[in-house]
Amino acid sequence: MTPNGAAIRAIREARELGLNRLAHLIGKSPGYLSRVETGQRGAADGTLHRIAEELHVPLAAILKGEPP
């Protein structure tokens, strides 16, 4: 699975959830999450599931090729 970093950021910001807070909720560093959002790195399937769960969206909403 390939994360859609722009979708993750857009949904996170729409939910008024800060980068640091989401990173804490998923157990990752803010730098890691920032790199996922900017497309500089991928993310493990488990991490993507955690991100979707914390953003309260279906997993497909944060994957490349899927609408946010």
C-alpha atoms as a PDB file:
ATOM      1  CA  MET A   1       0.000   0.000   0.000  1.00  0.00           C
ATOM      2  CA  THR A   2       1.241   3.435  -0.908  1.00  0.00           C
ATOM      3  CA  PRO A   3       0.205   6.363   1.288  1.00  0.00           C
ATOM      4  CA  ASN A   4      -1.289   9.499  -0.218  1.00  0.00           C
ATOM      5  CA  GLY A   5       0.550  12.024   1.921  1.00  0.00           C
ATOM      6  CA  ALA A   6      -1.404  14.996   0.581  1.00  0.00           C
ATOM      7  CA  ALA A   7      -4.669  13.297   1.557  1.00  0.00           C
ATOM      8  CA  ILE A   8      -3.338  12.465   5.025  1.00  0.00           C
ATOM      9  CA  ARG A   9      -2.328  16.095   5.566  1.00  0.00           C
ATOM     10  CA  ALA A  10      -5.595  17.494   4.174  1.00  0.00           C
ATOM     11  CA  ILE A  11      -7.734  15.229   6.345  1.00  0.00           C
ATOM     12  CA  ARG A  12      -5.560  15.872   9.405  1.00  0.00           C
ATOM     13  CA  GLU A  13      -5.819  19.633   8.928  1.00  0.00           C
ATOM     14  CA  ALA A  14      -9.573  19.461   8.258  1.00  0.00           C
ATOM     15  CA  ARG A  15      -9.927  17.642  11.584  1.00  0.00           C
ATOM     16  CA  GLU A  16      -7.797  20.384  13.202  1.00  0.00           C
ATOM     17  CA  LEU A  17      -5.362  17.738  14.370  1.00  0.00           C
ATOM     18  CA  GLY A  18      -1.766  18.887  14.668  1.00  0.00           C
ATOM     19  CA  LEU A  19       1.114  16.945  13.189  1.00  0.00           C
ATOM     20  CA  ASN A  20       2.657  16.380  16.625  1.00  0.00           C
ATOM     21  CA  ARG A  21      -0.632  15.102  18.064  1.00  0.00           C
ATOM     22  CA  LEU A  22      -1.288  12.634  15.239  1.00  0.00           C
ATOM     23  CA  ALA A  23       2.307  11.424  15.387  1.00  0.00           C
ATOM     24  CA  HIS A  24       1.900  10.788  19.122  1.00  0.00           C
ATOM     25  CA  LEU A  25      -1.410   8.959  18.590  1.00  0.00           C
ATOM     26  CA  ILE A  26       0.143   6.582  16.038  1.00  0.00           C
ATOM     27  CA  GLY A  27       3.334   6.080  18.031  1.00  0.00           C
ATOM     28  CA  LYS A  28       5.682   7.705  15.505  1.00  0.00           C
ATOM     29  CA  SER A  29       7.844  10.825  15.533  1.00  0.00           C
ATOM     30  CA  PRO A  30       6.574  14.072  14.001  1.00  0.00           C
ATOM     31  CA  GLY A  31       9.492  13.924  11.548  1.00  0.00           C
ATOM     32  CA  TYR A  32       8.427  10.481  10.367  1.00  0.00           C
ATOM     33  CA  LEU A  33       4.830  11.600   9.832  1.00  0.00           C
ATOM     34  CA  SER A  34       5.988  14.755   8.064  1.00  0.00           C
ATOM     35  CA  ARG A  35       8.051  12.670   5.629  1.00  0.00           C
ATOM     36  CA  VAL A  36       5.041  10.423   4.950  1.00  0.00           C
ATOM     37  CA  GLU A  37       2.856  13.479   4.293  1.00  0.00           C
ATOM     38  CA  THR A  38       5.394  15.015   1.907  1.00  0.00           C
ATOM     39  CA  GLY A  39       5.946  11.755   0.041  1.00  0.00           C
ATOM     40  CA  GLN A  40       9.567  11.392   1.117  1.00  0.00           C
ATOM     41  CA  ARG A  41       8.917   7.951   2.587  1.00  0.00           C
ATOM     42  CA  GLY A  42       6.353   5.195   2.597  1.00  0.00           C
ATOM     43  CA  ALA A  43       4.699   3.680   5.640  1.00  0.00           C
ATOM     44  CA  ALA A  44       4.094   0.153   6.853  1.00  0.00           C
ATOM     45  CA  ASP A  45       0.593  -1.245   6.469  1.00  0.00           C
ATOM     46  CA  GLY A  46       0.068  -1.230  10.229  1.00  0.00           C
ATOM     47  CA  THR A  47       1.017   2.430  10.434  1.00  0.00           C
ATOM     48  CA  LEU A  48      -1.383   3.303   7.632  1.00  0.00           C
ATOM     49  CA  HIS A  49      -4.164   1.477   9.455  1.00  0.00           C
ATOM     50  CA  ARG A  50      -3.384   3.481  12.624  1.00  0.00           C
ATOM     51  CA  ILE A  51      -3.392   6.770  10.709  1.00  0.00           C
ATOM     52  CA  ALA A  52      -6.765   5.971   9.119  1.00  0.00           C
ATOM     53  CA  GLU A  53      -8.150   4.911  12.488  1.00  0.00           C
ATOM     54  CA  GLU A  54      -7.023   8.108  14.226  1.00  0.00           C
ATOM     55  CA  LEU A  55      -8.344  10.265  11.363  1.00  0.00           C
ATOM     56  CA  HIS A  56     -11.663   8.349  11.433  1.00  0.00           C
ATOM     57  CA  VAL A  57     -11.580   7.584   7.711  1.00  0.00           C
ATOM     58  CA  PRO A  58     -11.522   4.369   5.685  1.00  0.00           C
ATOM     59  CA  LEU A  59      -8.039   3.166   4.820  1.00  0.00           C
ATOM     60  CA  ALA A  60      -8.755   3.758   1.109  1.00  0.00           C
ATOM     61  CA  ALA A  61      -9.067   7.505   1.817  1.00  0.00           C
ATOM     62  CA  ILE A  62      -5.343   7.778   2.576  1.00  0.00           C
ATOM     63  CA  LEU A  63      -3.948   5.544  -0.167  1.00  0.00           C
ATOM     64  CA  LYS A  64      -2.651   6.600  -3.584  1.00  0.00           C
ATOM     65  CA  GLY A  65      -5.213   6.157  -6.297  1.00  0.00           C
ATOM     66  CA  GLU A  66      -8.140   6.588  -3.931  1.00  0.00           C
ATOM     67  CA  PRO A  67     -10.118   9.796  -3.432  1.00  0.00           C
ATOM     68  CA  PRO A  68      -9.744  11.423   0.005  1.00  0.00           C
END
